């Protein structure tokens, strides 16, 4: 039988300043965001999940802290799983960016995959750090089930890679707060997405 590694990939709960591009801003979960994490518990089987990984930003770390004791495993932080660095856009809303930096906004719309806000990173650069980190997790836990608590942008990159879709399709996948995704990585190289934005 071919070996399967299952990744339960979730987005963090609701955060403060949710209307902004937070990127690397280390915003906290709201009380509602913490409760959303607690509500995930019945959907996760403590007998099956052998590890938890989060980014090093507190909105995912806190999710790991909430779910870790329930699952009986200590979360491990992986800085490479941080959200997209939005550079000078961080802390601004979409309407503020369109008003204050219209040329950059237009450039992003024209080339989503390669656009990089000043001081930030492109989707290609994001994929370049996220995907190797995920592959390392999969290799480390062959045949197991693992929980990864990450970010909307990070999750989209992982899901697009799983279905072999281009980075330009980034916004074709929705990721609500505490969305759950399930991806099976088979030892023969096949990848099957079982759930998206659940």
C-alpha atoms as a PDB file:
ATOM      1  CA  UNK A   1       0.000   0.000   0.000  1.00  0.00           C
ATOM      2  CA  UNK A   2       1.273   3.478  -0.885  1.00  0.00           C
ATOM      3  CA  UNK A   3       2.146   5.647   2.116  1.00  0.00           C
ATOM      4  CA  UNK A   4       0.083   8.792   2.732  1.00  0.00           C
ATOM      5  CA  UNK A   5       0.905  11.887   4.779  1.00  0.00           C
ATOM      6  CA  UNK A   6      -2.102  14.034   5.632  1.00  0.00           C
ATOM      7  CA  UNK A   7      -1.735  17.750   6.324  1.00  0.00           C
ATOM      8  CA  UNK A   8      -4.574  19.480   8.172  1.00  0.00           C
ATOM      9  CA  UNK A   9      -3.902  23.066   7.089  1.00  0.00           C
ATOM     10  CA  UNK A  10      -5.820  25.782   8.926  1.00  0.00           C
ATOM     11  CA  UNK A  11      -5.815  29.542   8.920  1.00  0.00           C
ATOM     12  CA  UNK A  12      -5.550  31.442  12.181  1.00  0.00           C
ATOM     13  CA  UNK A  13      -8.653  32.951  13.798  1.00  0.00           C
ATOM     14  CA  UNK A  14      -9.928  36.512  13.552  1.00  0.00           C
ATOM     15  CA  UNK A  15      -7.294  39.166  14.266  1.00  0.00           C
ATOM     16  CA  UNK A  16      -7.141  42.768  15.368  1.00  0.00           C
ATOM     17  CA  UNK A  17      -7.009  45.237  12.462  1.00  0.00           C
ATOM     18  CA  UNK A  18      -8.504  42.611  10.173  1.00  0.00           C
ATOM     19  CA  UNK A  19      -9.293  45.273   7.570  1.00  0.00           C
ATOM     20  CA  UNK A  20      -5.567  45.894   6.949  1.00  0.00           C
ATOM     21  CA  UNK A  21      -2.775  44.158   5.114  1.00  0.00           C
ATOM     22  CA  UNK A  22      -1.064  42.780   8.209  1.00  0.00           C
ATOM     23  CA  UNK A  23       1.643  40.657   6.577  1.00  0.00           C
ATOM     24  CA  UNK A  24       4.508  40.453   9.071  1.00  0.00           C
ATOM     25  CA  UNK A  25       2.752  42.795  11.530  1.00  0.00           C
ATOM     26  CA  UNK A  26       2.463  40.708  14.685  1.00  0.00           C
ATOM     27  CA  UNK A  27      -1.235  41.319  15.375  1.00  0.00           C
ATOM     28  CA  UNK A  28      -3.081  39.339  18.034  1.00  0.00           C
ATOM     29  CA  UNK A  29      -6.163  37.195  17.806  1.00  0.00           C
ATOM     30  CA  UNK A  30      -9.352  38.836  19.006  1.00  0.00           C
ATOM     31  CA  UNK A  31     -11.372  37.061  21.727  1.00  0.00           C
ATOM     32  CA  UNK A  32     -13.626  35.852  18.918  1.00  0.00           C
ATOM     33  CA  UNK A  33     -10.548  34.604  17.050  1.00  0.00           C
ATOM     34  CA  UNK A  34      -9.500  32.567  20.082  1.00  0.00           C
ATOM     35  CA  UNK A  35     -12.980  31.109  20.379  1.00  0.00           C
ATOM     36  CA  UNK A  36     -12.896  30.138  16.702  1.00  0.00           C
ATOM     37  CA  UNK A  37      -9.756  28.093  17.432  1.00  0.00           C
ATOM     38  CA  UNK A  38     -11.479  26.346  20.337  1.00  0.00           C
ATOM     39  CA  UNK A  39     -14.393  25.490  18.035  1.00  0.00           C
ATOM     40  CA  UNK A  40     -12.006  23.576  15.747  1.00  0.00           C
ATOM     41  CA  UNK A  41     -11.255  20.978  18.432  1.00  0.00           C
ATOM     42  CA  UNK A  42     -14.125  18.562  17.639  1.00  0.00           C
ATOM     43  CA  UNK A  43     -12.948  18.452  14.013  1.00  0.00           C
ATOM     44  CA  UNK A  44      -9.470  17.216  14.945  1.00  0.00           C
ATOM     45  CA  UNK A  45      -8.686  13.715  16.210  1.00  0.00           C
ATOM     46  CA  UNK A  46      -6.105  13.636  19.039  1.00  0.00           C
ATOM     47  CA  UNK A  47      -5.419   9.973  18.286  1.00  0.00           C
ATOM     48  CA  UNK A  48      -4.295  10.733  14.745  1.00  0.00           C
ATOM     49  CA  UNK A  49      -2.465  14.070  14.719  1.00  0.00           C
ATOM     50  CA  UNK A  50       1.163  13.602  15.741  1.00  0.00           C
ATOM     51  CA  UNK A  51       2.567  17.133  15.356  1.00  0.00           C
ATOM     52  CA  UNK A  52       1.612  20.821  15.131  1.00  0.00           C
ATOM     53  CA  UNK A  53       3.529  23.482  13.230  1.00  0.00           C
ATOM     54  CA  UNK A  54       2.820  27.226  13.196  1.00  0.00           C
ATOM     55  CA  UNK A  55       4.501  30.328  11.852  1.00  0.00           C
ATOM     56  CA  UNK A  56       6.338  32.459  14.415  1.00  0.00           C
ATOM     57  CA  UNK A  57       3.716  35.227  14.367  1.00  0.00           C
ATOM     58  CA  UNK A  58       1.541  35.311  17.462  1.00  0.00           C
ATOM     59  CA  UNK A  59      -1.760  34.905  15.615  1.00  0.00           C
ATOM     60  CA  UNK A  60      -0.743  31.385  14.563  1.00  0.00           C
ATOM     61  CA  UNK A  61       1.318  30.637  17.672  1.00  0.00           C
ATOM     62  CA  UNK A  62      -1.756  31.330  19.808  1.00  0.00           C
ATOM     63  CA  UNK A  63      -3.815  28.958  17.677  1.00  0.00           C
ATOM     64  CA  UNK A  64      -1.196  26.286  18.282  1.00  0.00           C
ATOM     65  CA  UNK A  65      -1.265  27.007  22.014  1.00  0.00           C
ATOM     66  CA  UNK A  66      -5.040  26.505  22.074  1.00  0.00           C
ATOM     67  CA  UNK A  67      -5.044  23.299  20.029  1.00  0.00           C
ATOM     68  CA  UNK A  68      -1.817  21.722  21.310  1.00  0.00           C
ATOM     69  CA  UNK A  69      -3.037  20.597  24.743  1.00  0.00           C
ATOM     70  CA  UNK A  70      -6.210  19.146  23.213  1.00  0.00           C
ATOM     71  CA  UNK A  71      -4.171  17.138  20.708  1.00  0.00           C
ATOM     72  CA  UNK A  72      -1.468  16.240  23.221  1.00  0.00           C
ATOM     73  CA  UNK A  73       1.412  17.670  21.184  1.00  0.00           C
ATOM     74  CA  UNK A  74       3.623  20.735  21.614  1.00  0.00           C
ATOM     75  CA  UNK A  75       3.527  23.196  18.688  1.00  0.00           C
ATOM     76  CA  UNK A  76       6.743  23.901  16.772  1.00  0.00           C
ATOM     77  CA  UNK A  77       7.271  27.330  15.197  1.00  0.00           C
ATOM     78  CA  UNK A  78       8.591  27.602  11.628  1.00  0.00           C
ATOM     79  CA  UNK A  79       9.482  31.193  10.611  1.00  0.00           C
ATOM     80  CA  UNK A  80       9.301  30.247   6.905  1.00  0.00           C
ATOM     81  CA  UNK A  81       5.528  29.839   7.319  1.00  0.00           C
ATOM     82  CA  UNK A  82       5.056  33.573   7.973  1.00  0.00           C
ATOM     83  CA  UNK A  83       2.495  35.480   5.924  1.00  0.00           C
ATOM     84  CA  UNK A  84       3.507  37.420   2.798  1.00  0.00           C
ATOM     85  CA  UNK A  85       5.683  40.422   3.648  1.00  0.00           C
ATOM     86  CA  UNK A  86       3.641  43.351   2.316  1.00  0.00           C
ATOM     87  CA  UNK A  87       6.388  45.946   2.849  1.00  0.00           C
ATOM     88  CA  UNK A  88       5.120  49.529   2.935  1.00  0.00           C
ATOM     89  CA  UNK A  89       1.559  48.280   2.468  1.00  0.00           C
ATOM     90  CA  UNK A  90       1.465  46.716   5.918  1.00  0.00           C
ATOM     91  CA  UNK A  91      -0.998  48.415   8.234  1.00  0.00           C
ATOM     92  CA  UNK A  92      -2.936  49.919   5.316  1.00  0.00           C
ATOM     93  CA  UNK A  93      -6.369  48.946   4.054  1.00  0.00           C
ATOM     94  CA  UNK A  94      -7.039  48.212   0.383  1.00  0.00           C
ATOM     95  CA  UNK A  95      -8.823  51.548  -0.025  1.00  0.00           C
ATOM     96  CA  UNK A  96      -5.895  53.425   1.547  1.00  0.00           C
ATOM     97  CA  UNK A  97      -3.435  51.731  -0.809  1.00  0.00           C
ATOM     98  CA  UNK A  98      -5.589  52.536  -3.842  1.00  0.00           C
ATOM     99  CA  UNK A  99      -5.793  56.165  -2.728  1.00  0.00           C
ATOM    100  CA  UNK A 100      -2.210  56.705  -1.542  1.00  0.00           C
ATOM    101  CA  UNK A 101      -0.258  54.387  -3.881  1.00  0.00           C
ATOM    102  CA  UNK A 102      -2.413  53.984  -7.021  1.00  0.00           C
ATOM    103  CA  UNK A 103       0.488  53.120  -9.356  1.00  0.00           C
ATOM    104  CA  UNK A 104       1.551  50.223  -7.118  1.00  0.00           C
ATOM    105  CA  UNK A 105      -2.024  48.974  -6.862  1.00  0.00           C
ATOM    106  CA  UNK A 106      -2.358  49.031 -10.665  1.00  0.00           C
ATOM    107  CA  UNK A 107       0.971  47.205 -11.046  1.00  0.00           C
ATOM    108  CA  UNK A 108      -0.233  44.496  -8.696  1.00  0.00           C
ATOM    109  CA  UNK A 109      -3.432  43.998 -10.663  1.00  0.00           C
ATOM    110  CA  UNK A 110      -1.407  43.782 -13.882  1.00  0.00           C
ATOM    111  CA  UNK A 111       1.020  41.111 -12.582  1.00  0.00           C
ATOM    112  CA  UNK A 112      -0.158  39.496  -9.369  1.00  0.00           C
ATOM    113  CA  UNK A 113       2.469  36.746  -9.419  1.00  0.00           C
ATOM    114  CA  UNK A 114       5.536  38.982  -9.704  1.00  0.00           C
ATOM    115  CA  UNK A 115       4.431  42.243  -8.076  1.00  0.00           C
ATOM    116  CA  UNK A 116       6.312  43.212  -4.936  1.00  0.00           C
ATOM    117  CA  UNK A 117       5.305  46.141  -2.718  1.00  0.00           C
ATOM    118  CA  UNK A 118       8.331  48.273  -1.788  1.00  0.00           C
ATOM    119  CA  UNK A 119      10.147  46.530   1.041  1.00  0.00           C
ATOM    120  CA  UNK A 120       8.023  43.398   0.677  1.00  0.00           C
ATOM    121  CA  UNK A 121       8.090  40.188  -1.321  1.00  0.00           C
ATOM    122  CA  UNK A 122       6.357  38.738  -4.358  1.00  0.00           C
ATOM    123  CA  UNK A 123       4.139  35.658  -4.413  1.00  0.00           C
ATOM    124  CA  UNK A 124       7.004  33.818  -6.094  1.00  0.00           C
ATOM    125  CA  UNK A 125       9.299  34.702  -3.206  1.00  0.00           C
ATOM    126  CA  UNK A 126       6.626  33.644  -0.725  1.00  0.00           C
ATOM    127  CA  UNK A 127       6.313  30.283  -2.476  1.00  0.00           C
ATOM    128  CA  UNK A 128      10.093  29.997  -2.470  1.00  0.00           C
ATOM    129  CA  UNK A 129      10.236  29.942   1.324  1.00  0.00           C
ATOM    130  CA  UNK A 130       6.890  28.299   2.190  1.00  0.00           C
ATOM    131  CA  UNK A 131       6.956  25.241  -0.076  1.00  0.00           C
ATOM    132  CA  UNK A 132      10.397  23.914   0.968  1.00  0.00           C
ATOM    133  CA  UNK A 133       9.339  24.255   4.626  1.00  0.00           C
ATOM    134  CA  UNK A 134       6.144  22.324   3.956  1.00  0.00           C
ATOM    135  CA  UNK A 135       7.971  19.598   2.057  1.00  0.00           C
ATOM    136  CA  UNK A 136      10.354  19.212   4.984  1.00  0.00           C
ATOM    137  CA  UNK A 137       7.361  18.734   7.322  1.00  0.00           C
ATOM    138  CA  UNK A 138       5.855  16.129   4.989  1.00  0.00           C
ATOM    139  CA  UNK A 139       9.165  14.238   4.763  1.00  0.00           C
ATOM    140  CA  UNK A 140       9.638  14.333   8.535  1.00  0.00           C
ATOM    141  CA  UNK A 141       6.191  12.865   9.151  1.00  0.00           C
ATOM    142  CA  UNK A 142       5.796  10.271   6.399  1.00  0.00           C
ATOM    143  CA  UNK A 143       2.664   8.205   6.974  1.00  0.00           C
ATOM    144  CA  UNK A 144       1.392  10.506   9.745  1.00  0.00           C
ATOM    145  CA  UNK A 145      -1.197  13.269  10.128  1.00  0.00           C
ATOM    146  CA  UNK A 146       0.021  16.763  10.951  1.00  0.00           C
ATOM    147  CA  UNK A 147      -1.664  20.073  11.804  1.00  0.00           C
ATOM    148  CA  UNK A 148      -0.252  23.265  10.279  1.00  0.00           C
ATOM    149  CA  UNK A 149      -1.596  26.605  11.555  1.00  0.00           C
ATOM    150  CA  UNK A 150      -0.705  29.275   9.027  1.00  0.00           C
ATOM    151  CA  UNK A 151      -2.022  32.319   7.153  1.00  0.00           C
ATOM    152  CA  UNK A 152      -4.410  33.059   4.302  1.00  0.00           C
ATOM    153  CA  UNK A 153      -1.653  33.799   1.811  1.00  0.00           C
ATOM    154  CA  UNK A 154       0.541  30.912   2.920  1.00  0.00           C
ATOM    155  CA  UNK A 155      -2.379  28.485   2.695  1.00  0.00           C
ATOM    156  CA  UNK A 156      -3.236  29.647  -0.816  1.00  0.00           C
ATOM    157  CA  UNK A 157       0.355  29.053  -1.934  1.00  0.00           C
ATOM    158  CA  UNK A 158       0.282  25.519  -0.499  1.00  0.00           C
ATOM    159  CA  UNK A 159      -3.106  24.738  -2.052  1.00  0.00           C
ATOM    160  CA  UNK A 160      -2.138  26.098  -5.484  1.00  0.00           C
ATOM    161  CA  UNK A 161       0.993  23.972  -5.418  1.00  0.00           C
ATOM    162  CA  UNK A 162      -1.046  20.904  -4.419  1.00  0.00           C
ATOM    163  CA  UNK A 163      -3.338  21.261  -7.442  1.00  0.00           C
ATOM    164  CA  UNK A 164      -0.513  22.453  -9.718  1.00  0.00           C
ATOM    165  CA  UNK A 165      -2.207  25.802 -10.397  1.00  0.00           C
ATOM    166  CA  UNK A 166      -0.312  29.020 -11.250  1.00  0.00           C
ATOM    167  CA  UNK A 167       0.380  31.665  -8.619  1.00  0.00           C
ATOM    168  CA  UNK A 168      -1.735  34.064 -10.654  1.00  0.00           C
ATOM    169  CA  UNK A 169      -4.758  32.097  -9.407  1.00  0.00           C
ATOM    170  CA  UNK A 170      -3.944  33.197  -5.845  1.00  0.00           C
ATOM    171  CA  UNK A 171      -7.335  34.805  -5.190  1.00  0.00           C
ATOM    172  CA  UNK A 172      -9.300  31.967  -6.790  1.00  0.00           C
ATOM    173  CA  UNK A 173      -9.095  30.167  -3.430  1.00  0.00           C
ATOM    174  CA  UNK A 174     -10.854  31.644  -0.404  1.00  0.00           C
ATOM    175  CA  UNK A 175      -9.491  31.266   3.129  1.00  0.00           C
ATOM    176  CA  UNK A 176     -11.803  32.434   5.889  1.00  0.00           C
ATOM    177  CA  UNK A 177     -10.609  32.765   9.485  1.00  0.00           C
ATOM    178  CA  UNK A 178     -10.026  29.270  10.905  1.00  0.00           C
ATOM    179  CA  UNK A 179     -10.695  27.718   7.500  1.00  0.00           C
ATOM    180  CA  UNK A 180      -9.687  24.066   7.388  1.00  0.00           C
ATOM    181  CA  UNK A 181      -8.015  22.426   4.415  1.00  0.00           C
ATOM    182  CA  UNK A 182      -6.936  18.789   4.136  1.00  0.00           C
ATOM    183  CA  UNK A 183      -4.211  17.695   1.733  1.00  0.00           C
ATOM    184  CA  UNK A 184      -2.923  14.157   1.246  1.00  0.00           C
ATOM    185  CA  UNK A 185       0.682  13.786   0.095  1.00  0.00           C
ATOM    186  CA  UNK A 186       1.273  10.279  -1.304  1.00  0.00           C
ATOM    187  CA  UNK A 187       4.688   8.638  -1.396  1.00  0.00           C
ATOM    188  CA  UNK A 188       4.373   8.132  -5.173  1.00  0.00           C
ATOM    189  CA  UNK A 189       4.338  11.903  -5.659  1.00  0.00           C
ATOM    190  CA  UNK A 190       0.606  12.397  -6.098  1.00  0.00           C
ATOM    191  CA  UNK A 191      -1.155  15.071  -4.050  1.00  0.00           C
ATOM    192  CA  UNK A 192      -4.899  15.086  -3.392  1.00  0.00           C
ATOM    193  CA  UNK A 193      -6.789  18.011  -1.855  1.00  0.00           C
ATOM    194  CA  UNK A 194      -9.615  16.578   0.236  1.00  0.00           C
ATOM    195  CA  UNK A 195     -11.047  19.828   1.675  1.00  0.00           C
ATOM    196  CA  UNK A 196     -10.709  23.564   0.973  1.00  0.00           C
ATOM    197  CA  UNK A 197     -11.922  26.435   3.177  1.00  0.00           C
ATOM    198  CA  UNK A 198     -14.014  24.027   5.268  1.00  0.00           C
END
